[in-house]
Amino acid sequence: MKESVKNWGRNFLSPLTNLLIKLKITADCLTIASLPTSMLAGIFIAYRKWLLAIIFIIIIALFDTLDGEIARKTGTIHKKGAFLDSVLDRIAEFFIFLGFFLYYYPNKLLSSLVFCTIFTSMLVSYIRARAEGIGQDCKIGIFERPIRFIVIILGLIILRYPYFHYALLVILIGNIITIFQRVFYVLR
């Protein structure tokens, strides 16, 4: 995601970030809170409670943004927190896609689409982590987690449940493009 967009988001959320800091809510607390929130989002998706699913996915996206901002503003960025954030982000995303899988389960084609989408989403994150593990920066690609969440939210709002699978298809294609971008970038 472009740095100018990130900076705009940081400025927009600054009052909320400052309030959470005053309330002594830590970055790790928000990171951990994303886990039960994502479980609920997945349940709401599976049971076709679309408005609640949208609200909880927005909350997860907020937690994901605010935990990093709190860590930056309070000077509490540490490797353990970054590790915990990365692991719980993957689990949170899994629960959301699990909700879609359960929703589409009787339909083999659409449940397979969900499976492929979650696999490629995890692979996008894994490639970056693996590249960083060998000492190479890999912050490129068009479909990072925030973009996937935006497509999910917009898909639930605009396409609604009968056509939401088109949003999953967009995410799948974006993930595949990002995978190729990252692999070729690291291999170069």
C-alpha atoms as a PDB file:
ATOM      1  CA  MET A   1       0.000   0.000   0.000  1.00  0.00           C
ATOM      2  CA  LYS A   2       1.322   3.437  -0.856  1.00  0.00           C
ATOM      3  CA  GLU A   3       2.916   5.376   1.966  1.00  0.00           C
ATOM      4  CA  SER A   4       0.744   8.457   1.269  1.00  0.00           C
ATOM      5  CA  VAL A   5      -2.416   6.381   1.842  1.00  0.00           C
ATOM      6  CA  LYS A   6      -0.943   4.940   5.038  1.00  0.00           C
ATOM      7  CA  ASN A   7      -0.064   8.430   6.287  1.00  0.00           C
ATOM      8  CA  TRP A   8      -3.576   9.674   5.532  1.00  0.00           C
ATOM      9  CA  GLY A   9      -5.011   6.733   7.490  1.00  0.00           C
ATOM     10  CA  ARG A  10      -2.659   7.384  10.399  1.00  0.00           C
ATOM     11  CA  ASN A  11      -3.693  11.031  10.566  1.00  0.00           C
ATOM     12  CA  PHE A  12      -7.382  10.131  10.299  1.00  0.00           C
ATOM     13  CA  LEU A  13      -7.131   7.596  13.126  1.00  0.00           C
ATOM     14  CA  SER A  14      -4.805   9.673  15.290  1.00  0.00           C
ATOM     15  CA  PRO A  15      -7.538  10.842  17.728  1.00  0.00           C
ATOM     16  CA  LEU A  16      -8.685   7.248  18.287  1.00  0.00           C
ATOM     17  CA  THR A  17      -5.088   6.062  18.656  1.00  0.00           C
ATOM     18  CA  ASN A  18      -4.404   8.781  21.243  1.00  0.00           C
ATOM     19  CA  LEU A  19      -7.585   7.872  23.155  1.00  0.00           C
ATOM     20  CA  LEU A  20      -6.604   4.197  23.313  1.00  0.00           C
ATOM     21  CA  ILE A  21      -3.128   5.166  24.529  1.00  0.00           C
ATOM     22  CA  LYS A  22      -4.681   7.322  27.279  1.00  0.00           C
ATOM     23  CA  LEU A  23      -6.869   4.358  28.260  1.00  0.00           C
ATOM     24  CA  LYS A  24      -3.651   2.312  28.528  1.00  0.00           C
ATOM     25  CA  ILE A  25      -4.736  -0.158  25.839  1.00  0.00           C
ATOM     26  CA  THR A  26      -1.606  -1.761  24.430  1.00  0.00           C
ATOM     27  CA  ALA A  27      -0.830  -2.806  20.871  1.00  0.00           C
ATOM     28  CA  ASP A  28      -0.670  -6.449  21.944  1.00  0.00           C
ATOM     29  CA  CYS A  29      -4.102  -6.146  23.559  1.00  0.00           C
ATOM     30  CA  LEU A  30      -5.635  -5.043  20.245  1.00  0.00           C
ATOM     31  CA  THR A  31      -3.727  -7.719  18.367  1.00  0.00           C
ATOM     32  CA  ILE A  32      -5.106 -10.412  20.670  1.00  0.00           C
ATOM     33  CA  ALA A  33      -8.623  -8.912  20.538  1.00  0.00           C
ATOM     34  CA  SER A  34      -8.657  -9.420  16.764  1.00  0.00           C
ATOM     35  CA  LEU A  35      -8.791 -13.191  17.281  1.00  0.00           C
ATOM     36  CA  PRO A  36     -12.232 -13.526  18.938  1.00  0.00           C
ATOM     37  CA  THR A  37     -13.488 -10.704  16.742  1.00  0.00           C
ATOM     38  CA  SER A  38     -12.490 -12.646  13.627  1.00  0.00           C
ATOM     39  CA  MET A  39     -14.120 -15.809  14.973  1.00  0.00           C
ATOM     40  CA  LEU A  40     -17.365 -13.884  15.366  1.00  0.00           C
ATOM     41  CA  ALA A  41     -17.021 -12.403  11.874  1.00  0.00           C
ATOM     42  CA  GLY A  42     -16.613 -15.909  10.469  1.00  0.00           C
ATOM     43  CA  ILE A  43     -19.668 -17.137  12.356  1.00  0.00           C
ATOM     44  CA  PHE A  44     -21.741 -14.199  11.114  1.00  0.00           C
ATOM     45  CA  ILE A  45     -20.641 -14.891   7.547  1.00  0.00           C
ATOM     46  CA  ALA A  46     -21.456 -18.596   7.814  1.00  0.00           C
ATOM     47  CA  TYR A  47     -24.919 -17.773   9.169  1.00  0.00           C
ATOM     48  CA  ARG A  48     -25.579 -15.000   6.626  1.00  0.00           C
ATOM     49  CA  LYS A  49     -25.637 -12.163   9.155  1.00  0.00           C
ATOM     50  CA  TRP A  50     -24.100  -9.784   6.636  1.00  0.00           C
ATOM     51  CA  LEU A  51     -24.389  -6.490   8.515  1.00  0.00           C
ATOM     52  CA  LEU A  52     -22.783  -7.972  11.630  1.00  0.00           C
ATOM     53  CA  ALA A  53     -20.078  -9.582   9.483  1.00  0.00           C
ATOM     54  CA  ILE A  54     -19.282  -6.218   7.862  1.00  0.00           C
ATOM     55  CA  ILE A  55     -19.129  -4.477  11.248  1.00  0.00           C
ATOM     56  CA  PHE A  56     -16.802  -7.093  12.715  1.00  0.00           C
ATOM     57  CA  ILE A  57     -14.521  -7.122   9.662  1.00  0.00           C
ATOM     58  CA  ILE A  58     -14.236  -3.332   9.918  1.00  0.00           C
ATOM     59  CA  ILE A  59     -13.375  -3.720  13.622  1.00  0.00           C
ATOM     60  CA  ILE A  60     -10.676  -6.274  12.738  1.00  0.00           C
ATOM     61  CA  ALA A  61      -9.235  -3.894  10.128  1.00  0.00           C
ATOM     62  CA  LEU A  62      -9.244  -1.097  12.720  1.00  0.00           C
ATOM     63  CA  PHE A  63      -7.508  -3.286  15.314  1.00  0.00           C
ATOM     64  CA  ASP A  64      -4.930  -4.248  12.696  1.00  0.00           C
ATOM     65  CA  THR A  65      -4.181  -0.605  11.952  1.00  0.00           C
ATOM     66  CA  LEU A  66      -4.399   0.700  15.498  1.00  0.00           C
ATOM     67  CA  ASP A  67      -2.114  -1.909  17.063  1.00  0.00           C
ATOM     68  CA  GLY A  68       0.760  -0.781  14.864  1.00  0.00           C
ATOM     69  CA  GLU A  69       0.023   2.877  15.470  1.00  0.00           C
ATOM     70  CA  ILE A  70      -0.093   2.419  19.238  1.00  0.00           C
ATOM     71  CA  ALA A  71       3.211   0.528  19.147  1.00  0.00           C
ATOM     72  CA  ARG A  72       4.808   3.306  17.062  1.00  0.00           C
ATOM     73  CA  LYS A  73       3.468   6.186  19.160  1.00  0.00           C
ATOM     74  CA  THR A  74       4.346   4.574  22.500  1.00  0.00           C
ATOM     75  CA  GLY A  75       7.741   3.294  21.380  1.00  0.00           C
ATOM     76  CA  THR A  76       6.767  -0.287  22.174  1.00  0.00           C
ATOM     77  CA  ILE A  77       7.603  -1.836  18.818  1.00  0.00           C
ATOM     78  CA  HIS A  78       9.322  -5.148  19.498  1.00  0.00           C
ATOM     79  CA  LYS A  79      10.009  -8.367  17.623  1.00  0.00           C
ATOM     80  CA  LYS A  80       7.700 -10.460  19.806  1.00  0.00           C
ATOM     81  CA  GLY A  81       4.812  -8.070  19.158  1.00  0.00           C
ATOM     82  CA  ALA A  82       5.478  -8.087  15.414  1.00  0.00           C
ATOM     83  CA  PHE A  83       5.606 -11.885  15.459  1.00  0.00           C
ATOM     84  CA  LEU A  84       2.358 -12.131  17.434  1.00  0.00           C
ATOM     85  CA  ASP A  85       0.700  -9.644  15.083  1.00  0.00           C
ATOM     86  CA  SER A  86       1.727 -11.596  11.982  1.00  0.00           C
ATOM     87  CA  VAL A  87       0.570 -14.939  13.378  1.00  0.00           C
ATOM     88  CA  LEU A  88      -2.779 -13.647  14.646  1.00  0.00           C
ATOM     89  CA  ASP A  89      -3.386 -11.738  11.389  1.00  0.00           C
ATOM     90  CA  ARG A  90      -3.156 -15.041   9.490  1.00  0.00           C
ATOM     91  CA  ILE A  91      -5.470 -16.785  11.955  1.00  0.00           C
ATOM     92  CA  ALA A  92      -7.968 -13.909  11.828  1.00  0.00           C
ATOM     93  CA  GLU A  93      -8.008 -13.992   8.042  1.00  0.00           C
ATOM     94  CA  PHE A  94      -8.466 -17.770   8.158  1.00  0.00           C
ATOM     95  CA  PHE A  95     -11.604 -17.458  10.313  1.00  0.00           C
ATOM     96  CA  ILE A  96     -13.135 -14.949   7.906  1.00  0.00           C
ATOM     97  CA  PHE A  97     -12.516 -17.213   4.929  1.00  0.00           C
ATOM     98  CA  LEU A  98     -13.716 -20.220   6.942  1.00  0.00           C
ATOM     99  CA  GLY A  99     -17.027 -18.395   7.318  1.00  0.00           C
ATOM    100  CA  PHE A 100     -17.273 -18.030   3.539  1.00  0.00           C
ATOM    101  CA  PHE A 101     -16.265 -21.662   3.074  1.00  0.00           C
ATOM    102  CA  LEU A 102     -19.047 -22.805   5.418  1.00  0.00           C
ATOM    103  CA  TYR A 103     -21.513 -20.494   3.699  1.00  0.00           C
ATOM    104  CA  TYR A 104     -20.685 -21.907   0.269  1.00  0.00           C
ATOM    105  CA  TYR A 105     -19.976 -25.467   1.439  1.00  0.00           C
ATOM    106  CA  PRO A 106     -22.749 -27.312  -0.388  1.00  0.00           C
ATOM    107  CA  ASN A 107     -21.484 -25.781  -3.647  1.00  0.00           C
ATOM    108  CA  LYS A 108     -18.232 -27.556  -4.557  1.00  0.00           C
ATOM    109  CA  LEU A 109     -17.139 -24.940  -7.093  1.00  0.00           C
ATOM    110  CA  LEU A 110     -17.652 -21.937  -4.795  1.00  0.00           C
ATOM    111  CA  SER A 111     -16.229 -23.668  -1.713  1.00  0.00           C
ATOM    112  CA  SER A 112     -13.176 -24.556  -3.845  1.00  0.00           C
ATOM    113  CA  LEU A 113     -12.910 -20.879  -4.811  1.00  0.00           C
ATOM    114  CA  VAL A 114     -12.839 -19.957  -1.113  1.00  0.00           C
ATOM    115  CA  PHE A 115     -10.193 -22.612  -0.445  1.00  0.00           C
ATOM    116  CA  CYS A 116      -7.976 -21.339  -3.281  1.00  0.00           C
ATOM    117  CA  THR A 117      -8.464 -17.745  -2.146  1.00  0.00           C
ATOM    118  CA  ILE A 118      -7.408 -18.476   1.426  1.00  0.00           C
ATOM    119  CA  PHE A 119      -4.442 -20.538   0.219  1.00  0.00           C
ATOM    120  CA  THR A 120      -3.183 -17.735  -2.004  1.00  0.00           C
ATOM    121  CA  SER A 121      -3.804 -15.136   0.734  1.00  0.00           C
ATOM    122  CA  MET A 122      -1.644 -17.139   3.121  1.00  0.00           C
ATOM    123  CA  LEU A 123       0.985 -17.606   0.397  1.00  0.00           C
ATOM    124  CA  VAL A 124       1.181 -13.839  -0.210  1.00  0.00           C
ATOM    125  CA  SER A 125       2.028 -13.358   3.472  1.00  0.00           C
ATOM    126  CA  TYR A 126       4.341 -16.377   3.614  1.00  0.00           C
ATOM    127  CA  ILE A 127       6.429 -15.189   0.656  1.00  0.00           C
ATOM    128  CA  ARG A 128       7.027 -11.837   2.322  1.00  0.00           C
ATOM    129  CA  ALA A 129       7.902 -13.489   5.650  1.00  0.00           C
ATOM    130  CA  ARG A 130      10.223 -15.988   3.970  1.00  0.00           C
ATOM    131  CA  ALA A 131      11.945 -13.247   1.969  1.00  0.00           C
ATOM    132  CA  GLU A 132      12.478 -11.241   5.139  1.00  0.00           C
ATOM    133  CA  GLY A 133      13.785 -14.443   6.775  1.00  0.00           C
ATOM    134  CA  ILE A 134      16.609 -14.541   4.217  1.00  0.00           C
ATOM    135  CA  GLY A 135      17.279 -10.835   4.687  1.00  0.00           C
ATOM    136  CA  GLN A 136      15.409  -9.433   1.697  1.00  0.00           C
ATOM    137  CA  ASP A 137      12.755  -6.732   1.888  1.00  0.00           C
ATOM    138  CA  CYS A 138       9.545  -7.739   0.090  1.00  0.00           C
ATOM    139  CA  LYS A 139       6.938  -5.035   0.646  1.00  0.00           C
ATOM    140  CA  ILE A 140       5.653  -5.078  -2.903  1.00  0.00           C
ATOM    141  CA  GLY A 141       2.480  -6.381  -4.488  1.00  0.00           C
ATOM    142  CA  ILE A 142      -0.994  -5.109  -5.199  1.00  0.00           C
ATOM    143  CA  PHE A 143      -3.006  -7.345  -2.861  1.00  0.00           C
ATOM    144  CA  GLU A 144      -1.768  -7.052   0.692  1.00  0.00           C
ATOM    145  CA  ARG A 145      -4.102  -7.815   3.593  1.00  0.00           C
ATOM    146  CA  PRO A 146      -5.691  -4.324   3.823  1.00  0.00           C
ATOM    147  CA  ILE A 147      -6.688  -4.480   0.153  1.00  0.00           C
ATOM    148  CA  ARG A 148      -8.186  -7.955   0.643  1.00  0.00           C
ATOM    149  CA  PHE A 149     -10.241  -6.621   3.555  1.00  0.00           C
ATOM    150  CA  ILE A 150     -11.445  -3.658   1.492  1.00  0.00           C
ATOM    151  CA  VAL A 151     -12.565  -5.997  -1.298  1.00  0.00           C
ATOM    152  CA  ILE A 152     -14.349  -8.243   1.232  1.00  0.00           C
ATOM    153  CA  ILE A 153     -16.145  -5.300   2.853  1.00  0.00           C
ATOM    154  CA  LEU A 154     -17.118  -3.716  -0.470  1.00  0.00           C
ATOM    155  CA  GLY A 155     -18.156  -7.123  -1.800  1.00  0.00           C
ATOM    156  CA  LEU A 156     -20.459  -7.685   1.163  1.00  0.00           C
ATOM    157  CA  ILE A 157     -21.933  -4.200   0.842  1.00  0.00           C
ATOM    158  CA  ILE A 158     -22.271  -3.947  -2.947  1.00  0.00           C
ATOM    159  CA  LEU A 159     -22.501  -7.480  -4.281  1.00  0.00           C
ATOM    160  CA  ARG A 160     -24.267  -8.991  -1.311  1.00  0.00           C
ATOM    161  CA  TYR A 161     -24.420 -12.675  -0.675  1.00  0.00           C
ATOM    162  CA  PRO A 162     -25.706 -14.087  -3.952  1.00  0.00           C
ATOM    163  CA  TYR A 163     -22.854 -12.528  -5.945  1.00  0.00           C
ATOM    164  CA  PHE A 164     -20.120 -12.247  -3.331  1.00  0.00           C
ATOM    165  CA  HIS A 165     -18.128 -14.991  -5.006  1.00  0.00           C
ATOM    166  CA  TYR A 166     -17.101 -12.404  -7.623  1.00  0.00           C
ATOM    167  CA  ALA A 167     -15.294 -10.502  -4.852  1.00  0.00           C
ATOM    168  CA  LEU A 168     -13.519 -13.732  -3.908  1.00  0.00           C
ATOM    169  CA  LEU A 169     -12.502 -14.165  -7.536  1.00  0.00           C
ATOM    170  CA  VAL A 170     -11.050 -10.634  -7.571  1.00  0.00           C
ATOM    171  CA  ILE A 171      -9.076 -11.436  -4.398  1.00  0.00           C
ATOM    172  CA  LEU A 172      -7.849 -14.719  -5.876  1.00  0.00           C
ATOM    173  CA  ILE A 173      -6.633 -13.045  -9.063  1.00  0.00           C
ATOM    174  CA  GLY A 174      -5.047 -10.191  -7.082  1.00  0.00           C
ATOM    175  CA  ASN A 175      -3.326 -12.704  -4.813  1.00  0.00           C
ATOM    176  CA  ILE A 176      -1.925 -14.650  -7.760  1.00  0.00           C
ATOM    177  CA  ILE A 177      -0.567 -11.444  -9.314  1.00  0.00           C
ATOM    178  CA  THR A 178       0.978 -10.459  -5.967  1.00  0.00           C
ATOM    179  CA  ILE A 179       2.541 -13.909  -5.570  1.00  0.00           C
ATOM    180  CA  PHE A 180       4.224 -13.574  -8.959  1.00  0.00           C
ATOM    181  CA  GLN A 181       5.303  -9.997  -8.209  1.00  0.00           C
ATOM    182  CA  ARG A 182       6.921 -11.050  -4.937  1.00  0.00           C
ATOM    183  CA  VAL A 183       8.541 -14.229  -6.209  1.00  0.00           C
ATOM    184  CA  PHE A 184      10.085 -12.484  -9.224  1.00  0.00           C
ATOM    185  CA  TYR A 185      11.157  -9.537  -7.055  1.00  0.00           C
ATOM    186  CA  VAL A 186      12.948 -11.807  -4.567  1.00  0.00           C
ATOM    187  CA  LEU A 187      14.537 -13.951  -7.272  1.00  0.00           C
ATOM    188  CA  ARG A 188      15.872 -10.851  -9.028  1.00  0.00           C
END
